[in-house]
Amino acid sequence: MKQTFTILLCAAFVLLGLPGNAQRKKSFHPDKKLLQTISQNFIDADAQYKVLAKNVPAGKFPKTYFPATGKYDFSNSGWWCSGFYPGTLLYLYEQTKDAAMYDEAMRILKPLEKEKENTHTHDLGFMMFCSFGNANRIAPKPEYKDILLSSARSLSTRFDPKTGCIKSWDSKPSDFLVIIDNMMNLELLFWATKVSGDSSFYKIAVSHANTTIKNHFRPDYSSYHVINYDAATGAVKEKKTAQGAADESAWARGQAWGLYGYTVMYRETKDKKYLDQANHIAAFILNHPNLPADKIPFWDFNAPGIPNALRDASAAAIMASALIELSGYTNAKKSATYLKNAEVILWSLSNNTYKAAAGTNGGFLIQHCVGHLPQKSEVDVPLSYADYYFVEAMKRYQHLKK
């Protein structure tokens, strides 16, 4: 039975092609000027990341930089963002063939490897698939496969069949907290089933996605940030926010995680309900009256003080990458809409407002992001994941010309 499942799944992946690069039934002509700008962005990014690399201490991972003080904030390997720095380096190496990017990625992967055994975080997809997943894609090695499979097994230990979800945050025993961000970690599980033939990873991902559709989304397809399930029964106890403006508001990066996550779900399963969900989330985002003309959202779609509220460029970068992939799975009209909006985002992130000038911003690419405003943490600063998804979105856009 396992062998049959593996054969069917591999056939599905062959039909789908490379992630994020779906076959298109309609012609699309990328903006030549934007392609030129993207090419220059990659050159600039290579130079910026050399600045950043010089300032990263051994065993530490860059989180952000504070322009006002000229100080960095670094993390250890257990922080949820630890995989983005090596992942961005690897993306840049693919574009520039600069060995310095690859060498720095190899250096920083070594202290990250031990997190494959970390069962206290739901973010192993971010941490290990954005890093070792890209390393394995570029230059496959048996040790990368082993690291990623160990990571998938560790992530799976956080699944509870009573709730049907992977636990996000550890809390008191009676609570089972799940955040919308966790949709981003399911891609690792699909990969694990593909390479191992063990369908349990696939089934966990599908269960988590289905339960999240049921409980995280409002009728307008905006998403709550946090659902608190009863750990004993699996019943929903609370629907609330942690990083958004209010429990009933639409935290911008949370909407982006949902859009990206359900696009991946459709890619990996071809189940139409996930495509429908992604399309609905995209419609909520793109048709929202508070989405600015440059498509860089306010940190929360219902933030106090709009139009003077802070923007979150990290949410925009995630949205752009997701929209480019989603455009390959939809009808011609939706596809054109998604690509047009992705182009606007890429242009906006490439201008002087959001793209840092050479040698500034501590070596990070993107500025004006919001991490956790309610806790006054990482407010209006660069963030490692903004860079990662910006580079990924540009890479995906470039691929459209092929």
Protein backbone atom coordinates (compact mmCIF):
# COMPACT_ATOMS: atom_id res chain seq x y z
CA MET A 1 0.00 0.00 0.00
CA LYS A 2 2.85 2.37 0.89
CA GLN A 3 4.52 1.65 -2.45
CA THR A 4 1.29 2.40 -4.35
CA PHE A 5 0.87 5.68 -2.47
CA THR A 6 4.44 6.69 -3.28
CA ILE A 7 4.00 5.96 -6.99
CA LEU A 8 0.79 7.97 -7.17
CA LEU A 9 2.31 10.86 -5.25
CA CYS A 10 5.43 10.96 -7.40
CA ALA A 11 3.23 10.99 -10.50
CA ALA A 12 1.37 13.98 -9.08
CA PHE A 13 4.63 15.85 -8.52
CA VAL A 14 5.74 15.13 -12.09
CA LEU A 15 2.49 16.57 -13.40
CA LEU A 16 2.82 19.61 -11.19
CA GLY A 17 6.40 20.43 -12.11
CA LEU A 18 8.58 22.64 -9.96
CA PRO A 19 6.97 24.33 -6.94
CA GLY A 20 5.83 27.83 -7.71
CA ASN A 21 6.34 27.42 -11.44
CA ALA A 22 3.08 25.93 -12.69
CA GLN A 23 2.55 25.26 -16.35
CA ARG A 24 0.49 28.02 -17.93
CA LYS A 25 -2.23 27.52 -20.47
CA LYS A 26 -2.16 31.19 -21.39
CA SER A 27 0.60 33.44 -22.58
CA PHE A 28 2.14 35.92 -20.21
CA HIS A 29 4.73 38.52 -21.05
CA PRO A 30 6.69 39.72 -18.02
CA ASP A 31 7.46 43.41 -17.75
CA LYS A 32 10.93 43.82 -19.32
CA LYS A 33 11.75 46.85 -17.21
CA LEU A 34 10.79 44.98 -14.07
CA LEU A 35 12.99 42.06 -15.14
CA GLN A 36 15.89 44.48 -15.57
CA THR A 37 15.19 45.95 -12.15
CA ILE A 38 15.09 42.47 -10.63
CA SER A 39 18.45 41.63 -12.20
CA GLN A 40 19.93 44.74 -10.62
CA ASN A 41 18.21 43.92 -7.32
CA PHE A 42 20.02 40.58 -7.23
CA ILE A 43 23.37 42.29 -7.82
CA ASP A 44 22.59 44.79 -5.06
CA ALA A 45 21.38 42.02 -2.75
CA ASP A 46 24.63 40.12 -3.20
CA ALA A 47 26.57 43.20 -2.11
CA GLN A 48 24.22 43.85 0.80
CA TYR A 49 24.49 40.31 2.11
CA LYS A 50 28.28 40.57 2.09
CA VAL A 51 27.85 43.55 4.43
CA LEU A 52 25.48 41.54 6.60
CA ALA A 53 27.71 38.44 6.62
CA LYS A 54 30.65 40.43 7.98
CA ASN A 55 28.58 41.35 11.03
CA VAL A 56 27.10 37.94 11.91
CA PRO A 57 28.82 36.41 14.96
CA ALA A 58 29.68 32.72 14.96
CA GLY A 59 26.71 30.55 15.87
CA LYS A 60 24.25 33.44 15.59
CA PHE A 61 21.54 34.24 13.06
CA PRO A 62 20.49 37.74 11.98
CA LYS A 63 16.99 38.82 12.96
CA THR A 64 16.97 42.57 12.38
CA TYR A 65 18.92 45.81 12.49
CA PHE A 66 18.02 49.10 14.16
CA PRO A 67 19.04 52.01 11.91
CA ALA A 68 18.60 54.56 14.68
CA THR A 69 21.24 52.93 16.88
CA GLY A 70 23.26 50.99 14.32
CA LYS A 71 22.80 47.81 16.34
CA TYR A 72 21.82 44.32 15.22
CA ASP A 73 19.61 41.76 16.89
CA PHE A 74 20.75 38.16 16.51
CA SER A 75 19.22 34.87 17.61
CA ASN A 76 20.38 31.36 18.34
CA SER A 77 19.49 28.49 16.02
CA GLY A 78 16.23 27.74 17.85
CA TRP A 79 14.57 31.02 16.84
CA TRP A 80 11.83 30.55 14.23
CA CYS A 81 13.61 32.82 11.73
CA SER A 82 16.96 31.01 11.76
CA GLY A 83 16.42 29.37 8.37
CA PHE A 84 15.78 32.56 6.40
CA TYR A 85 19.36 33.86 6.38
CA PRO A 86 20.86 30.70 4.85
CA GLY A 87 17.84 30.37 2.56
CA THR A 88 18.32 33.87 1.19
CA LEU A 89 22.03 33.25 0.69
CA LEU A 90 21.24 30.13 -1.33
CA TYR A 91 18.64 31.93 -3.46
CA LEU A 92 21.20 34.66 -4.16
CA TYR A 93 23.87 32.11 -5.04
CA GLU A 94 21.52 30.66 -7.65
CA GLN A 95 21.12 34.08 -9.21
CA THR A 96 24.65 35.47 -9.01
CA LYS A 97 26.81 32.31 -8.83
CA ASP A 98 28.84 34.16 -6.22
CA ALA A 99 30.65 31.46 -4.25
CA ALA A 100 30.76 33.77 -1.22
CA MET A 101 27.00 33.39 -0.84
CA TYR A 102 27.21 29.60 -0.98
CA ASP A 103 30.16 29.41 1.39
CA GLU A 104 28.41 31.59 3.96
CA ALA A 105 25.29 29.44 3.68
CA MET A 106 27.34 26.29 4.29
CA ARG A 107 28.95 27.91 7.32
CA ILE A 108 25.68 28.90 8.95
CA LEU A 109 23.96 25.58 8.21
CA LYS A 110 26.30 23.77 10.59
CA PRO A 111 24.99 25.33 13.82
CA LEU A 112 21.43 25.04 12.48
CA GLU A 113 21.55 21.27 11.90
CA LYS A 114 20.87 20.34 15.52
CA GLU A 115 17.37 21.84 15.31
CA LYS A 116 16.28 18.74 13.37
CA GLU A 117 15.61 17.20 16.79
CA ASN A 118 13.69 20.18 18.16
CA THR A 119 10.19 19.07 19.16
CA HIS A 120 9.37 22.29 21.00
CA THR A 121 8.62 24.39 17.92
CA HIS A 122 6.12 24.23 15.08
CA ASP A 123 8.42 26.30 12.87
CA LEU A 124 10.69 23.57 11.55
CA GLY A 125 9.39 24.22 8.06
CA PHE A 126 10.63 27.80 8.21
CA MET A 127 13.83 26.82 9.98
CA MET A 128 14.85 23.69 8.08
CA PHE A 129 13.03 23.62 4.73
CA CYS A 130 13.87 27.22 3.78
CA SER A 131 17.51 26.40 4.56
CA PHE A 132 18.38 22.73 4.13
CA GLY A 133 15.51 22.30 1.67
CA ASN A 134 17.07 24.85 -0.66
CA ALA A 135 20.55 23.43 -0.07
CA ASN A 136 19.28 19.97 -1.02
CA ARG A 137 17.50 21.32 -4.09
CA ILE A 138 20.66 23.03 -5.35
CA ALA A 139 23.13 20.25 -4.51
CA PRO A 140 21.41 17.12 -3.15
CA LYS A 141 23.25 15.20 -0.45
CA PRO A 142 22.18 12.18 1.63
CA GLU A 143 22.86 14.11 4.83
CA TYR A 144 20.44 16.84 3.79
CA LYS A 145 17.73 14.25 3.21
CA ASP A 146 18.37 12.76 6.65
CA ILE A 147 18.26 16.20 8.31
CA LEU A 148 14.98 17.09 6.61
CA LEU A 149 13.33 13.76 7.40
CA SER A 150 14.39 14.10 11.03
CA SER A 151 12.92 17.60 11.03
CA ALA A 152 9.62 16.30 9.62
CA ARG A 153 9.47 13.61 12.28
CA SER A 154 10.11 16.18 15.00
CA LEU A 155 7.39 18.46 13.61
CA SER A 156 4.95 15.53 13.48
CA THR A 157 5.29 14.94 17.22
CA ARG A 158 3.33 18.15 17.75
CA PHE A 159 0.26 16.81 15.94
CA ASP A 160 -2.75 15.84 18.06
CA PRO A 161 -5.59 13.89 16.42
CA LYS A 162 -8.10 15.30 18.92
CA THR A 163 -7.68 18.79 17.52
CA GLY A 164 -6.55 17.64 14.08
CA CYS A 165 -3.73 20.19 14.23
CA ILE A 166 -0.05 20.67 14.91
CA LYS A 167 0.41 22.63 18.12
CA SER A 168 2.02 26.00 17.53
CA TRP A 169 2.92 27.39 20.94
CA ASP A 170 3.45 25.46 24.14
CA SER A 171 1.21 26.84 26.88
CA LYS A 172 -0.61 25.52 29.92
CA PRO A 173 -1.68 21.86 29.60
CA SER A 174 -5.36 22.64 29.04
CA ASP A 175 -4.64 24.89 26.03
CA PHE A 176 -3.71 23.86 22.48
CA LEU A 177 -2.69 27.00 20.61
CA VAL A 178 -2.60 27.06 16.80
CA ILE A 179 -1.61 30.10 14.74
CA ILE A 180 -2.26 30.77 11.06
CA ASP A 181 1.52 30.96 10.51
CA ASN A 182 1.68 27.20 10.97
CA MET A 183 0.29 26.69 7.46
CA MET A 184 3.76 27.59 6.22
CA ASN A 185 5.38 24.56 7.88
CA LEU A 186 3.31 21.93 6.07
CA GLU A 187 5.44 21.98 2.91
CA LEU A 188 8.17 20.11 4.80
CA LEU A 189 5.71 17.31 5.55
CA PHE A 190 4.68 16.92 1.92
CA TRP A 191 8.33 16.71 0.95
CA ALA A 192 8.90 14.03 3.60
CA THR A 193 6.11 11.85 2.23
CA LYS A 194 7.41 12.27 -1.29
CA VAL A 195 10.92 11.09 -0.49
CA SER A 196 10.11 8.49 2.18
CA GLY A 197 6.83 7.00 1.01
CA ASP A 198 5.46 7.45 4.54
CA SER A 199 1.96 8.84 4.08
CA SER A 200 1.62 9.87 7.74
CA PHE A 201 3.33 13.20 7.04
CA TYR A 202 0.92 13.93 4.18
CA LYS A 203 -2.10 13.02 6.31
CA ILE A 204 -1.00 15.30 9.14
CA ALA A 205 -0.60 18.23 6.73
CA VAL A 206 -4.05 17.67 5.22
CA SER A 207 -5.69 17.33 8.63
CA HIS A 208 -4.07 20.53 9.85
CA ALA A 209 -5.09 22.46 6.73
CA ASN A 210 -8.68 21.20 6.87
CA THR A 211 -9.07 22.05 10.55
CA THR A 212 -7.60 25.49 9.93
CA ILE A 213 -10.10 26.16 7.13
CA LYS A 214 -12.89 25.19 9.51
CA ASN A 215 -11.86 27.28 12.50
CA HIS A 216 -9.44 30.05 11.54
CA PHE A 217 -11.43 31.86 8.86
CA ARG A 218 -14.29 34.31 9.05
CA PRO A 219 -17.09 34.49 6.44
CA ASP A 220 -15.13 37.15 4.51
CA TYR A 221 -12.09 34.80 4.40
CA SER A 222 -9.99 36.93 6.70
CA SER A 223 -8.15 34.91 9.30
CA TYR A 224 -7.86 34.94 13.04
CA HIS A 225 -4.28 34.80 14.22
CA VAL A 226 -4.70 32.35 17.12
CA ILE A 227 -7.17 29.57 17.84
CA ASN A 228 -7.07 28.08 21.31
CA TYR A 229 -8.41 24.53 21.33
CA ASP A 230 -9.34 22.55 24.42
CA ALA A 231 -6.45 20.13 24.73
CA ALA A 232 -8.71 17.42 26.20
CA THR A 233 -11.60 17.58 23.73
CA GLY A 234 -10.32 19.44 20.67
CA ALA A 235 -13.16 21.97 20.90
CA VAL A 236 -12.48 25.63 20.09
CA LYS A 237 -12.19 27.72 23.27
CA GLU A 238 -10.97 31.08 21.93
CA LYS A 239 -10.42 32.92 18.66
CA LYS A 240 -8.02 35.79 19.18
CA THR A 241 -4.88 37.63 18.10
CA ALA A 242 -1.36 37.92 19.44
CA GLN A 243 0.37 40.16 16.90
CA GLY A 244 -2.62 41.86 15.31
CA ALA A 245 -4.47 45.03 16.29
CA ALA A 246 -7.48 43.24 17.81
CA ASP A 247 -9.03 39.79 18.06
CA GLU A 248 -11.41 40.55 15.17
CA SER A 249 -8.91 42.45 13.02
CA ALA A 250 -7.04 41.10 9.98
CA TRP A 251 -3.35 41.07 10.84
CA ALA A 252 -1.63 41.59 7.49
CA ARG A 253 1.13 39.02 7.73
CA GLY A 254 -1.37 36.46 8.96
CA GLN A 255 -3.43 36.95 5.81
CA ALA A 256 -0.24 36.50 3.77
CA TRP A 257 0.64 33.26 5.57
CA GLY A 258 -2.82 31.90 4.79
CA LEU A 259 -2.60 32.88 1.12
CA TYR A 260 0.80 31.26 0.71
CA GLY A 261 -0.11 28.20 2.78
CA TYR A 262 -3.24 27.25 0.84
CA THR A 263 -1.50 27.86 -2.47
CA VAL A 264 1.06 25.26 -1.38
CA MET A 265 -1.74 22.95 -0.25
CA TYR A 266 -3.25 23.02 -3.74
CA ARG A 267 0.12 22.47 -5.38
CA GLU A 268 0.81 19.40 -3.26
CA THR A 269 -2.64 17.77 -3.28
CA LYS A 270 -4.51 19.17 -6.31
CA ASP A 271 -7.59 19.30 -4.06
CA LYS A 272 -9.79 22.09 -5.42
CA LYS A 273 -10.98 23.18 -1.99
CA TYR A 274 -7.50 24.51 -1.29
CA LEU A 275 -7.41 26.41 -4.56
CA ASP A 276 -10.80 27.90 -3.70
CA GLN A 277 -9.52 28.88 -0.27
CA ALA A 278 -6.43 30.55 -1.72
CA ASN A 279 -8.54 32.43 -4.26
CA HIS A 280 -10.91 33.63 -1.53
CA ILE A 281 -8.02 34.84 0.63
CA ALA A 282 -6.49 36.62 -2.36
CA ALA A 283 -9.81 38.34 -3.04
CA PHE A 284 -10.04 39.51 0.57
CA ILE A 285 -6.55 40.99 0.41
CA LEU A 286 -6.64 42.55 -3.06
CA ASN A 287 -10.17 43.97 -2.79
CA HIS A 288 -9.80 45.35 0.72
CA PRO A 289 -10.55 49.09 0.85
CA ASN A 290 -7.57 49.64 3.17
CA LEU A 291 -5.00 48.10 0.80
CA PRO A 292 -2.86 51.02 -0.40
CA ALA A 293 -2.31 51.68 -4.10
CA ASP A 294 1.31 50.50 -3.88
CA LYS A 295 0.02 47.17 -2.43
CA ILE A 296 2.26 47.35 0.64
CA PRO A 297 -0.31 46.67 3.36
CA PHE A 298 -0.66 48.39 6.67
CA TRP A 299 0.60 46.10 9.43
CA ASP A 300 -3.05 45.23 10.10
CA PHE A 301 -5.89 45.80 7.63
CA ASN A 302 -7.87 47.28 10.54
CA ALA A 303 -4.97 49.08 12.20
CA PRO A 304 -5.75 52.20 14.22
CA GLY A 305 -4.63 55.39 12.51
CA ILE A 306 -4.98 54.32 8.89
CA PRO A 307 -3.82 55.92 6.56
CA ASN A 308 -0.97 56.92 8.88
CA ALA A 309 -0.43 53.45 10.34
CA LEU A 310 2.84 51.63 9.73
CA ARG A 311 3.24 49.46 6.65
CA ASP A 312 4.56 45.90 6.72
CA ALA A 313 6.82 45.21 3.76
CA SER A 314 7.34 41.63 4.96
CA ALA A 315 3.65 40.86 4.43
CA ALA A 316 3.85 42.35 0.94
CA ALA A 317 6.83 40.18 -0.01
CA ILE A 318 5.04 37.02 1.11
CA MET A 319 1.92 38.05 -0.79
CA ALA A 320 3.87 38.70 -3.99
CA SER A 321 5.54 35.30 -3.92
CA ALA A 322 2.24 33.54 -3.22
CA LEU A 323 0.35 35.45 -5.92
CA ILE A 324 2.92 34.56 -8.57
CA GLU A 325 2.56 30.88 -7.79
CA LEU A 326 -1.22 31.05 -7.45
CA SER A 327 -1.47 32.71 -10.86
CA GLY A 328 -0.32 29.45 -12.42
CA TYR A 329 -3.25 27.48 -11.03
CA THR A 330 -6.18 29.75 -11.88
CA ASN A 331 -8.19 30.93 -14.87
CA ALA A 332 -6.86 33.62 -17.19
CA LYS A 333 -8.72 36.49 -15.53
CA LYS A 334 -7.59 35.68 -11.99
CA SER A 335 -4.09 34.91 -13.21
CA ALA A 336 -3.77 38.33 -14.84
CA THR A 337 -5.07 40.01 -11.67
CA TYR A 338 -2.64 38.18 -9.44
CA LEU A 339 0.35 38.88 -11.65
CA LYS A 340 -0.56 42.55 -12.03
CA ASN A 341 -0.73 42.95 -8.26
CA ALA A 342 2.50 41.00 -7.76
CA GLU A 343 4.20 43.32 -10.24
CA VAL A 344 3.00 46.37 -8.31
CA ILE A 345 4.40 44.89 -5.09
CA LEU A 346 7.74 44.07 -6.70
CA TRP A 347 8.01 47.58 -8.13
CA SER A 348 7.15 49.04 -4.73
CA LEU A 349 9.68 46.89 -2.88
CA SER A 350 12.30 47.86 -5.47
CA ASN A 351 11.94 51.59 -4.96
CA ASN A 352 13.90 53.74 -2.54
CA THR A 353 11.17 53.68 0.06
CA TYR A 354 11.43 49.97 0.78
CA LYS A 355 14.69 48.79 -0.79
CA ALA A 356 17.65 49.88 1.28
CA ALA A 357 20.42 51.96 -0.26
CA ALA A 358 23.75 50.23 -0.77
CA GLY A 359 25.67 49.73 2.45
CA THR A 360 22.79 50.82 4.69
CA ASN A 361 20.17 48.91 6.71
CA GLY A 362 22.87 46.70 8.21
CA GLY A 363 23.06 44.77 4.96
CA PHE A 364 19.39 43.76 4.93
CA LEU A 365 17.55 44.35 1.65
CA ILE A 366 14.09 45.51 2.72
CA GLN A 367 13.14 48.13 5.28
CA HIS A 368 9.89 49.19 6.96
CA CYS A 369 8.61 45.89 8.31
CA VAL A 370 6.58 45.22 11.44
CA GLY A 371 7.24 42.15 13.55
CA HIS A 372 5.14 42.35 16.72
CA LEU A 373 3.72 45.83 17.22
CA PRO A 374 1.55 45.06 20.30
CA GLN A 375 4.74 44.04 22.14
CA LYS A 376 6.68 46.91 20.53
CA SER A 377 9.08 44.34 19.10
CA GLU A 378 10.74 44.70 15.67
CA VAL A 379 8.71 47.75 14.68
CA ASP A 380 9.57 49.56 11.41
CA VAL A 381 12.80 47.64 10.87
CA PRO A 382 14.23 45.12 8.40
CA LEU A 383 13.36 41.45 8.98
CA SER A 384 15.10 38.35 7.65
CA TYR A 385 11.90 36.83 6.27
CA ALA A 386 11.04 39.97 4.32
CA ASP A 387 14.31 39.55 2.44
CA TYR A 388 13.73 35.83 1.91
CA TYR A 389 10.28 36.16 0.37
CA PHE A 390 11.25 39.24 -1.65
CA VAL A 391 14.12 37.31 -3.24
CA GLU A 392 11.86 34.30 -3.76
CA ALA A 393 9.17 36.42 -5.40
CA MET A 394 11.71 37.97 -7.77
CA LYS A 395 13.08 34.52 -8.60
CA ARG A 396 9.57 33.27 -9.38
CA TYR A 397 8.82 36.30 -11.51
CA GLN A 398 12.01 35.80 -13.49
CA HIS A 399 11.02 32.21 -14.15
CA LEU A 400 7.81 33.36 -15.86
CA LYS A 401 9.78 34.46 -18.91
CA LYS A 402 10.85 30.83 -19.42
